[in-house]
N, C-alpha and C. Protein backbone atom coordinates (compact mmCIF):
# COMPACT_ATOMS: atom_id res chain seq x y z
N MET A 1 -12.95 27.85 -12.13
CA MET A 1 -12.72 26.38 -11.64
C MET A 1 -11.23 26.13 -11.34
N THR A 2 -10.91 25.79 -10.21
CA THR A 2 -9.48 25.48 -9.68
C THR A 2 -8.88 24.04 -10.27
N GLU A 3 -7.65 24.13 -10.58
CA GLU A 3 -6.98 22.92 -11.06
C GLU A 3 -6.86 21.83 -9.86
N PRO A 4 -7.14 20.63 -10.13
CA PRO A 4 -7.08 19.57 -9.13
C PRO A 4 -5.54 19.60 -8.68
N VAL A 5 -5.44 19.48 -7.40
CA VAL A 5 -4.15 19.33 -6.74
C VAL A 5 -3.50 17.90 -6.97
N THR A 6 -2.35 17.82 -7.52
CA THR A 6 -1.69 16.45 -7.45
C THR A 6 -1.13 16.06 -6.22
N PRO A 7 -1.72 14.93 -5.69
CA PRO A 7 -1.14 14.56 -4.27
C PRO A 7 0.34 14.42 -4.14
N ARG A 8 0.75 14.86 -3.03
CA ARG A 8 2.27 14.84 -2.67
C ARG A 8 2.36 13.69 -1.68
N LEU A 9 3.36 12.84 -1.93
CA LEU A 9 3.76 11.79 -1.16
C LEU A 9 4.80 12.22 -0.05
N ARG A 10 4.64 11.71 1.18
CA ARG A 10 5.72 11.93 2.17
C ARG A 10 5.54 10.72 3.17
N GLY A 11 6.51 10.68 3.97
CA GLY A 11 6.53 9.64 5.09
C GLY A 11 5.36 9.76 6.02
N MET A 12 4.77 8.84 6.52
CA MET A 12 3.63 8.83 7.47
C MET A 12 4.32 9.14 8.82
N ARG A 13 3.58 9.89 9.67
CA ARG A 13 4.09 10.29 10.95
C ARG A 13 2.79 10.08 11.97
N TRP A 14 3.13 10.11 13.22
CA TRP A 14 2.06 9.84 14.19
C TRP A 14 0.79 10.62 14.06
N TRP A 15 1.01 11.96 13.71
CA TRP A 15 -0.07 12.89 13.62
C TRP A 15 -1.06 12.56 12.37
N ASP A 16 -0.47 11.63 11.47
CA ASP A 16 -1.29 11.23 10.43
C ASP A 16 -2.35 10.06 10.79
N ILE A 17 -2.02 9.57 11.96
CA ILE A 17 -3.04 8.28 12.25
C ILE A 17 -4.45 8.63 12.23
N ASP A 18 -4.79 9.75 12.83
CA ASP A 18 -6.27 10.06 12.82
C ASP A 18 -6.95 10.24 11.47
N PRO A 19 -6.35 10.97 10.59
CA PRO A 19 -6.91 11.05 9.08
C PRO A 19 -6.75 9.68 8.38
N VAL A 20 -5.63 8.86 8.68
CA VAL A 20 -5.58 7.61 8.03
C VAL A 20 -6.72 6.56 8.68
N LEU A 21 -7.00 6.83 9.87
CA LEU A 21 -8.03 5.87 10.37
C LEU A 21 -9.48 6.32 9.83
N GLU A 22 -9.55 7.56 9.61
CA GLU A 22 -10.90 7.92 8.91
C GLU A 22 -10.98 7.39 7.61
N LEU A 23 -9.94 7.49 6.82
CA LEU A 23 -9.98 6.83 5.40
C LEU A 23 -10.02 5.41 5.53
N GLU A 24 -9.23 4.75 6.49
CA GLU A 24 -9.35 3.36 6.65
C GLU A 24 -10.86 2.79 6.99
N ARG A 25 -11.51 3.49 7.77
CA ARG A 25 -12.82 2.89 8.17
C ARG A 25 -13.84 3.28 7.04
N ASN A 26 -13.52 4.32 6.17
CA ASN A 26 -14.51 4.59 5.10
C ASN A 26 -14.25 3.54 3.96
N LEU A 27 -12.99 3.10 3.74
CA LEU A 27 -12.81 2.14 2.65
C LEU A 27 -12.87 0.69 3.11
N PHE A 28 -12.55 0.45 4.34
CA PHE A 28 -12.51 -0.99 4.78
C PHE A 28 -13.35 -1.06 6.18
N PRO A 29 -14.80 -0.82 6.02
CA PRO A 29 -15.46 -0.80 7.26
C PRO A 29 -15.51 -1.99 8.04
N GLU A 30 -15.34 -3.30 7.34
CA GLU A 30 -15.51 -4.42 8.14
C GLU A 30 -14.30 -4.92 8.68
N ASP A 31 -13.03 -4.53 8.11
CA ASP A 31 -11.87 -5.11 8.60
C ASP A 31 -10.86 -3.94 8.76
N ALA A 32 -11.23 -2.86 9.09
CA ALA A 32 -10.35 -1.60 9.29
C ALA A 32 -9.25 -1.96 10.49
N TRP A 33 -8.05 -1.40 10.15
CA TRP A 33 -7.07 -1.57 11.20
C TRP A 33 -7.41 -0.65 12.41
N SER A 34 -6.90 -1.02 13.46
CA SER A 34 -6.97 -0.11 14.70
C SER A 34 -5.91 0.85 14.86
N ARG A 35 -6.13 1.79 15.77
CA ARG A 35 -5.14 2.88 15.92
C ARG A 35 -3.83 2.33 16.45
N GLY A 36 -4.11 1.27 17.33
CA GLY A 36 -2.82 0.49 17.84
C GLY A 36 -1.98 -0.14 16.76
N MET A 37 -2.61 -0.78 15.90
CA MET A 37 -1.94 -1.46 14.67
C MET A 37 -1.11 -0.30 13.90
N PHE A 38 -1.69 0.84 13.61
CA PHE A 38 -0.93 1.79 13.07
C PHE A 38 0.34 2.30 13.85
N TRP A 39 0.04 2.56 15.17
CA TRP A 39 1.05 3.00 16.20
C TRP A 39 2.19 1.90 16.02
N SER A 40 1.91 0.68 16.09
CA SER A 40 2.88 -0.36 16.12
C SER A 40 3.73 -0.36 14.78
N GLU A 41 3.02 -0.30 13.62
CA GLU A 41 3.82 -0.23 12.53
C GLU A 41 4.74 0.99 12.42
N LEU A 42 4.28 2.13 12.79
CA LEU A 42 5.01 3.30 12.74
C LEU A 42 6.31 3.25 13.72
N ALA A 43 6.10 2.41 14.82
CA ALA A 43 7.17 2.29 15.71
C ALA A 43 8.37 1.58 15.15
N HIS A 44 8.18 0.80 14.08
CA HIS A 44 9.22 0.08 13.43
C HIS A 44 9.60 0.81 12.07
N ALA A 45 9.21 2.11 11.87
CA ALA A 45 9.51 2.77 10.58
C ALA A 45 10.56 3.84 10.82
N ARG A 46 11.07 3.97 11.82
CA ARG A 46 12.18 4.97 12.10
C ARG A 46 13.41 4.55 12.55
N GLY A 47 14.45 5.19 12.28
CA GLY A 47 15.78 4.83 12.82
C GLY A 47 16.57 3.89 11.92
N PRO A 48 17.77 3.53 12.39
CA PRO A 48 18.58 2.61 11.53
C PRO A 48 18.24 1.27 11.51
N GLU A 49 17.29 0.80 12.50
CA GLU A 49 16.80 -0.59 12.46
C GLU A 49 15.50 -0.64 11.88
N ALA A 50 14.96 0.33 11.08
CA ALA A 50 13.61 0.36 10.56
C ALA A 50 13.41 -0.85 9.59
N THR A 51 12.16 -1.44 9.76
CA THR A 51 11.80 -2.56 8.92
C THR A 51 10.54 -2.26 8.20
N ARG A 52 10.09 -0.99 8.29
CA ARG A 52 8.82 -0.58 7.73
C ARG A 52 9.02 0.67 6.94
N ARG A 53 8.03 0.93 6.08
CA ARG A 53 7.91 2.05 5.24
C ARG A 53 6.54 2.44 4.99
N TYR A 54 6.06 3.65 5.59
CA TYR A 54 4.71 3.95 5.46
C TYR A 54 4.64 5.40 4.92
N VAL A 55 3.95 5.60 3.92
CA VAL A 55 3.77 6.87 3.23
C VAL A 55 2.30 7.27 3.23
N VAL A 56 2.03 8.58 3.11
CA VAL A 56 0.78 9.16 3.00
C VAL A 56 0.79 10.13 1.78
N ALA A 57 -0.48 10.22 1.18
CA ALA A 57 -0.58 11.15 -0.01
C ALA A 57 -1.50 12.34 0.41
N GLU A 58 -1.03 13.47 0.16
CA GLU A 58 -1.84 14.62 0.56
C GLU A 58 -2.25 15.46 -0.68
N ALA A 59 -3.52 15.81 -0.74
CA ALA A 59 -3.93 16.82 -1.81
C ALA A 59 -4.36 18.09 -1.09
N GLY A 60 -3.45 19.08 -1.00
CA GLY A 60 -3.75 20.22 -0.31
C GLY A 60 -3.47 19.88 1.15
N GLU A 61 -4.51 20.07 1.97
CA GLU A 61 -4.55 19.80 3.43
C GLU A 61 -5.22 18.40 3.63
N ARG A 62 -5.76 17.77 2.58
CA ARG A 62 -6.51 16.49 2.88
C ARG A 62 -5.60 15.26 2.46
N LEU A 63 -5.63 14.38 3.44
CA LEU A 63 -5.12 13.06 3.26
C LEU A 63 -5.88 12.26 2.28
N VAL A 64 -5.42 11.72 1.11
CA VAL A 64 -6.26 10.96 0.12
C VAL A 64 -5.63 9.63 -0.11
N GLY A 65 -4.66 9.28 0.59
CA GLY A 65 -4.07 7.80 0.40
C GLY A 65 -3.00 7.63 1.39
N TYR A 66 -2.68 6.26 1.47
CA TYR A 66 -1.57 5.87 2.34
C TYR A 66 -1.17 4.41 1.94
N ALA A 67 -0.01 4.06 2.28
CA ALA A 67 0.49 2.77 1.96
C ALA A 67 1.57 2.29 3.09
N GLY A 68 1.80 1.09 3.20
CA GLY A 68 2.77 0.51 4.01
C GLY A 68 3.34 -0.75 3.67
N LEU A 69 4.68 -0.88 3.94
CA LEU A 69 5.37 -2.15 3.64
C LEU A 69 6.19 -2.60 4.87
N ALA A 70 6.27 -3.90 5.09
CA ALA A 70 7.05 -4.45 6.14
C ALA A 70 8.15 -5.38 5.34
N SER A 71 9.40 -5.33 6.06
CA SER A 71 10.49 -6.12 5.48
C SER A 71 10.96 -6.97 6.53
N SER A 72 11.48 -8.23 6.14
CA SER A 72 12.19 -9.12 7.08
C SER A 72 13.16 -9.98 6.23
N GLY A 73 14.35 -9.74 6.34
CA GLY A 73 15.39 -10.27 5.51
C GLY A 73 15.24 -9.93 4.08
N GLU A 74 15.14 -10.92 3.12
CA GLU A 74 14.99 -10.72 1.76
C GLU A 74 13.51 -10.69 1.32
N LEU A 75 12.61 -10.74 2.23
CA LEU A 75 11.17 -10.67 1.92
C LEU A 75 10.58 -9.46 2.54
N ALA A 76 9.56 -8.80 1.63
CA ALA A 76 8.99 -7.72 2.04
C ALA A 76 7.44 -7.99 1.87
N ASP A 77 6.56 -7.51 2.59
CA ASP A 77 5.10 -7.65 2.46
C ASP A 77 4.39 -6.28 2.52
N VAL A 78 3.57 -6.09 1.48
CA VAL A 78 2.79 -4.97 1.26
C VAL A 78 1.64 -5.10 2.35
N GLN A 79 1.70 -4.27 3.32
CA GLN A 79 0.75 -4.36 4.35
C GLN A 79 -0.60 -3.67 4.10
N THR A 80 -0.58 -2.52 3.43
CA THR A 80 -1.83 -1.77 3.07
C THR A 80 -1.53 -0.82 1.94
N ILE A 81 -2.50 -0.59 1.12
CA ILE A 81 -2.58 0.46 0.18
C ILE A 81 -3.98 1.00 0.27
N ALA A 82 -4.29 2.20 0.26
CA ALA A 82 -5.55 2.72 0.38
C ALA A 82 -5.55 4.12 -0.31
N VAL A 83 -6.61 4.34 -1.33
CA VAL A 83 -6.82 5.60 -2.13
C VAL A 83 -8.31 6.01 -1.77
N ALA A 84 -8.44 7.35 -1.54
CA ALA A 84 -9.75 7.79 -1.34
C ALA A 84 -10.59 7.63 -2.70
N ARG A 85 -11.84 7.29 -2.62
CA ARG A 85 -12.68 6.91 -3.69
C ARG A 85 -12.58 8.07 -4.87
N ASP A 86 -12.52 9.38 -4.42
CA ASP A 86 -12.46 10.35 -5.31
C ASP A 86 -11.19 10.62 -6.05
N HIS A 87 -10.22 9.67 -5.75
CA HIS A 87 -8.86 9.74 -6.39
C HIS A 87 -8.74 8.35 -7.10
N TRP A 88 -9.68 7.50 -7.10
CA TRP A 88 -9.48 6.25 -7.93
C TRP A 88 -9.36 6.66 -9.46
N GLY A 89 -8.44 5.84 -9.99
CA GLY A 89 -8.38 6.16 -11.46
C GLY A 89 -7.41 7.30 -11.80
N THR A 90 -6.70 7.84 -10.80
CA THR A 90 -5.83 8.96 -11.06
C THR A 90 -4.31 8.54 -11.16
N GLY A 91 -4.03 7.17 -11.00
CA GLY A 91 -2.69 6.72 -10.74
C GLY A 91 -2.04 6.81 -9.47
N LEU A 92 -2.84 7.31 -8.48
CA LEU A 92 -2.29 7.46 -7.12
C LEU A 92 -1.90 6.05 -6.48
N GLY A 93 -2.67 5.08 -6.75
CA GLY A 93 -2.45 3.68 -6.27
C GLY A 93 -1.04 3.24 -6.82
N GLY A 94 -0.89 3.57 -8.11
CA GLY A 94 0.42 3.16 -8.66
C GLY A 94 1.60 3.99 -8.13
N ARG A 95 1.36 5.09 -7.84
CA ARG A 95 2.50 5.90 -7.28
C ARG A 95 2.82 5.49 -5.77
N LEU A 96 1.83 5.05 -5.04
CA LEU A 96 1.99 4.49 -3.71
C LEU A 96 2.64 3.19 -3.76
N LEU A 97 2.31 2.35 -4.62
CA LEU A 97 2.89 1.03 -4.81
C LEU A 97 4.38 1.10 -5.25
N THR A 98 4.60 2.09 -6.26
CA THR A 98 6.07 2.36 -6.57
C THR A 98 6.84 2.74 -5.44
N GLU A 99 6.31 3.68 -4.58
CA GLU A 99 7.07 4.12 -3.36
C GLU A 99 7.43 2.84 -2.39
N LEU A 100 6.46 1.96 -2.25
CA LEU A 100 6.61 0.72 -1.51
C LEU A 100 7.68 -0.22 -2.11
N LEU A 101 7.74 -0.21 -3.49
CA LEU A 101 8.67 -1.17 -4.10
C LEU A 101 10.03 -0.51 -4.08
N ARG A 102 10.10 0.73 -4.04
CA ARG A 102 11.31 1.45 -3.91
C ARG A 102 11.90 1.13 -2.53
N ALA A 103 11.20 1.18 -1.54
CA ALA A 103 11.47 0.89 -0.08
C ALA A 103 11.91 -0.65 -0.11
N ALA A 104 11.18 -1.55 -0.70
CA ALA A 104 11.69 -2.85 -0.65
C ALA A 104 13.09 -3.07 -1.41
N THR A 105 13.35 -2.33 -2.40
CA THR A 105 14.65 -2.30 -2.89
C THR A 105 15.73 -1.84 -2.02
N THR A 106 15.41 -0.73 -1.17
CA THR A 106 16.22 -0.13 -0.21
C THR A 106 16.55 -1.12 0.86
N PHE A 107 15.49 -1.82 1.23
CA PHE A 107 15.60 -2.91 2.29
C PHE A 107 16.35 -4.23 1.77
N GLU A 108 16.72 -4.19 0.56
CA GLU A 108 17.31 -5.26 -0.19
C GLU A 108 16.54 -6.53 -0.27
N CYS A 109 15.18 -6.33 -0.46
CA CYS A 109 14.49 -7.53 -0.55
C CYS A 109 14.32 -8.11 -1.96
N ALA A 110 14.44 -9.38 -2.12
CA ALA A 110 14.41 -10.05 -3.30
C ALA A 110 12.94 -10.30 -3.72
N GLU A 111 12.03 -10.42 -2.82
CA GLU A 111 10.53 -10.75 -3.13
C GLU A 111 9.65 -9.87 -2.32
N VAL A 112 8.51 -9.57 -2.91
CA VAL A 112 7.43 -8.88 -2.23
C VAL A 112 6.30 -9.63 -2.38
N MET A 113 5.57 -9.84 -1.11
CA MET A 113 4.27 -10.53 -1.15
C MET A 113 3.23 -9.62 -0.71
N LEU A 114 1.96 -9.96 -1.03
CA LEU A 114 0.75 -9.28 -0.46
C LEU A 114 -0.35 -10.20 -0.46
N GLU A 115 -1.38 -9.73 0.25
CA GLU A 115 -2.62 -10.39 0.22
C GLU A 115 -3.65 -9.42 -0.23
N CYS A 116 -4.59 -9.77 -1.03
CA CYS A 116 -5.66 -8.94 -1.62
C CYS A 116 -7.09 -9.54 -1.53
N ARG A 117 -7.89 -8.81 -1.13
CA ARG A 117 -9.38 -9.41 -1.18
C ARG A 117 -9.55 -10.05 -2.47
N VAL A 118 -10.26 -11.14 -2.55
CA VAL A 118 -10.53 -11.89 -3.91
C VAL A 118 -11.54 -11.13 -4.64
N ASP A 119 -12.40 -10.20 -3.75
CA ASP A 119 -13.42 -9.34 -4.63
C ASP A 119 -12.82 -7.99 -4.96
N ASN A 120 -11.67 -7.75 -4.73
CA ASN A 120 -11.03 -6.45 -4.99
C ASN A 120 -10.29 -6.51 -6.39
N VAL A 121 -11.10 -6.52 -7.41
CA VAL A 121 -10.36 -6.74 -8.75
C VAL A 121 -9.60 -5.55 -9.14
N ARG A 122 -10.03 -4.33 -8.80
CA ARG A 122 -9.24 -3.18 -9.08
C ARG A 122 -7.78 -3.25 -8.62
N ALA A 123 -7.60 -3.67 -7.24
CA ALA A 123 -6.32 -3.80 -6.67
C ALA A 123 -5.59 -4.86 -7.53
N GLN A 124 -6.29 -5.94 -7.72
CA GLN A 124 -5.51 -7.11 -8.28
C GLN A 124 -4.94 -6.66 -9.66
N LYS A 125 -5.68 -5.78 -10.36
CA LYS A 125 -5.26 -5.45 -11.83
C LYS A 125 -3.91 -4.58 -11.52
N LEU A 126 -4.00 -3.67 -10.70
CA LEU A 126 -2.89 -2.82 -10.20
C LEU A 126 -1.66 -3.55 -9.99
N TYR A 127 -1.82 -4.60 -9.11
CA TYR A 127 -0.61 -5.52 -8.73
C TYR A 127 -0.12 -6.07 -10.02
N GLU A 128 -1.05 -6.73 -10.78
CA GLU A 128 -0.54 -7.45 -12.06
C GLU A 128 0.25 -6.47 -12.90
N ARG A 129 -0.08 -5.26 -13.06
CA ARG A 129 0.64 -4.26 -13.86
C ARG A 129 2.05 -4.07 -13.40
N PHE A 130 2.18 -4.29 -12.19
CA PHE A 130 3.50 -4.16 -11.63
C PHE A 130 4.28 -5.48 -11.47
N GLY A 131 3.68 -6.60 -12.14
CA GLY A 131 4.41 -7.92 -12.28
C GLY A 131 4.08 -8.75 -11.02
N PHE A 132 3.16 -8.47 -10.23
CA PHE A 132 2.85 -9.45 -9.14
C PHE A 132 2.09 -10.61 -9.93
N GLU A 133 2.30 -11.79 -9.37
CA GLU A 133 1.65 -12.96 -9.81
C GLU A 133 0.83 -13.68 -8.68
N PRO A 134 -0.32 -14.21 -8.89
CA PRO A 134 -1.07 -14.92 -7.89
C PRO A 134 -0.35 -16.30 -7.67
N ILE A 135 -0.28 -16.69 -6.40
CA ILE A 135 0.34 -17.81 -5.96
C ILE A 135 -0.42 -18.69 -5.10
N GLY A 136 -1.53 -18.15 -4.48
CA GLY A 136 -2.42 -19.09 -3.71
C GLY A 136 -3.51 -18.17 -3.02
N PHE A 137 -4.22 -18.79 -2.12
CA PHE A 137 -5.31 -18.23 -1.35
C PHE A 137 -5.08 -18.40 0.19
N ARG A 138 -5.71 -17.44 0.85
CA ARG A 138 -5.83 -17.76 2.31
C ARG A 138 -7.24 -17.69 2.57
N ARG A 139 -7.89 -18.76 2.89
CA ARG A 139 -9.41 -18.87 3.18
C ARG A 139 -9.76 -18.05 4.44
N GLY A 140 -10.69 -17.27 4.29
CA GLY A 140 -11.39 -16.58 5.47
C GLY A 140 -10.34 -15.53 5.97
N TYR A 141 -9.44 -15.06 5.28
CA TYR A 141 -8.31 -14.15 5.80
C TYR A 141 -8.86 -12.83 6.32
N TYR A 142 -9.85 -12.19 5.59
CA TYR A 142 -10.45 -10.89 5.97
C TYR A 142 -11.69 -11.28 6.94
N GLN A 143 -11.43 -10.71 8.19
CA GLN A 143 -12.57 -10.96 9.13
C GLN A 143 -13.08 -9.67 9.66
N PRO A 144 -14.26 -9.63 10.17
CA PRO A 144 -15.26 -10.57 10.32
C PRO A 144 -16.04 -11.15 9.12
N GLY A 145 -15.84 -10.57 7.81
CA GLY A 145 -16.62 -11.04 6.83
C GLY A 145 -16.30 -12.36 6.25
N ASN A 146 -15.15 -12.97 6.70
CA ASN A 146 -14.71 -14.30 6.31
C ASN A 146 -14.50 -14.32 4.72
N VAL A 147 -13.80 -13.30 4.15
CA VAL A 147 -13.38 -13.11 2.79
C VAL A 147 -12.04 -13.60 2.58
N ASP A 148 -11.98 -14.37 1.46
CA ASP A 148 -10.77 -15.08 1.09
C ASP A 148 -9.87 -13.86 0.56
N ALA A 149 -8.46 -14.23 0.77
CA ALA A 149 -7.37 -13.33 0.23
C ALA A 149 -6.70 -14.09 -0.92
N LEU A 150 -6.46 -13.31 -1.95
CA LEU A 150 -5.52 -13.87 -2.95
C LEU A 150 -4.10 -13.52 -2.65
N VAL A 151 -3.20 -14.30 -2.60
CA VAL A 151 -1.81 -14.26 -2.27
C VAL A 151 -1.08 -13.93 -3.51
N MET A 152 -0.25 -12.78 -3.57
CA MET A 152 0.40 -12.49 -4.72
C MET A 152 1.93 -12.30 -4.35
N ARG A 153 2.81 -12.60 -5.36
CA ARG A 153 4.24 -12.46 -5.24
C ARG A 153 4.89 -11.66 -6.43
N LEU A 154 5.90 -10.81 -6.01
CA LEU A 154 6.61 -10.19 -7.03
C LEU A 154 8.18 -10.46 -6.69
N THR A 155 8.83 -10.99 -7.80
CA THR A 155 10.29 -11.41 -7.56
C THR A 155 10.91 -10.09 -8.28
N ASP A 156 12.15 -9.78 -7.61
CA ASP A 156 12.97 -8.61 -8.04
C ASP A 156 12.15 -7.37 -8.19
N PRO A 157 11.80 -6.84 -7.03
CA PRO A 157 11.05 -5.49 -6.94
C PRO A 157 11.80 -4.24 -7.73
N ALA A 158 13.22 -4.33 -7.75
CA ALA A 158 13.99 -3.23 -8.40
C ALA A 158 13.65 -3.22 -9.80
N THR A 159 13.61 -4.39 -10.46
CA THR A 159 13.32 -4.46 -12.05
C THR A 159 11.81 -3.92 -12.17
N SER A 160 10.92 -4.35 -11.32
CA SER A 160 9.62 -3.86 -11.53
C SER A 160 9.43 -2.36 -11.42
N VAL A 161 10.07 -1.83 -10.42
CA VAL A 161 10.00 -0.21 -10.21
C VAL A 161 10.66 0.40 -11.51
N ASN A 162 11.76 -0.09 -11.87
CA ASN A 162 12.38 0.55 -13.17
C ASN A 162 11.54 0.29 -14.34
N GLY A 163 10.86 -0.84 -14.36
CA GLY A 163 9.99 -1.16 -15.57
C GLY A 163 8.77 -0.23 -15.77
N VAL A 164 8.19 0.20 -14.70
CA VAL A 164 6.86 0.93 -14.61
C VAL A 164 7.10 2.36 -14.47
N GLN A 165 8.28 2.73 -14.11
CA GLN A 165 8.69 4.22 -13.88
C GLN A 165 8.39 4.95 -15.17
N GLY A 166 7.61 6.02 -15.17
CA GLY A 166 7.16 6.81 -16.32
C GLY A 166 5.93 6.24 -16.92
N THR A 167 5.49 5.07 -16.56
CA THR A 167 4.34 4.50 -17.16
C THR A 167 3.02 4.92 -16.41
N GLU A 168 2.14 5.27 -16.98
CA GLU A 168 0.80 5.80 -16.33
C GLU A 168 0.08 4.62 -15.81
N THR A 169 -0.09 4.59 -14.53
CA THR A 169 -0.94 3.47 -13.96
C THR A 169 -2.06 4.20 -13.24
N HIS A 170 -3.13 3.35 -13.08
CA HIS A 170 -4.32 3.87 -12.58
C HIS A 170 -4.78 2.78 -11.36
N GLY A 171 -4.97 3.49 -10.21
CA GLY A 171 -5.42 2.56 -9.12
C GLY A 171 -5.74 3.47 -7.94
């Protein structure tokens, strides 16, 4: 029996869009992002004026997760975090979120916001472990299913990254 491969994180590139889309459609069939949405995000992730950070997780040759963050001034927004079902509970979600919070710190953001489906308790627990707090709802945010979003906020992402570093998280 072979040892499981620990996923390696790296910056997302254009050639990752097809495997990301496959995972996106598998995990979020009703409200999956389009190819154009990922291209647009990656266009803002390179160069000295970058306002985005997107990463992928690879286990061997297989893409098993991805995550993205957008920044504007002192505010960052977690755009997406996705982990293949067979990697749930391994800590990969926490590793991806940690990478996004590091990016928010690099972008000098004082707060990080995110929206999470109200029915995605697994993700909410991950965010809470990192210090995110619920601050409101966006009714019917996820379409076409008309599912509400829980809005969560983290103040001082640098402190959160330092506080969870070395702590085992599952997500």
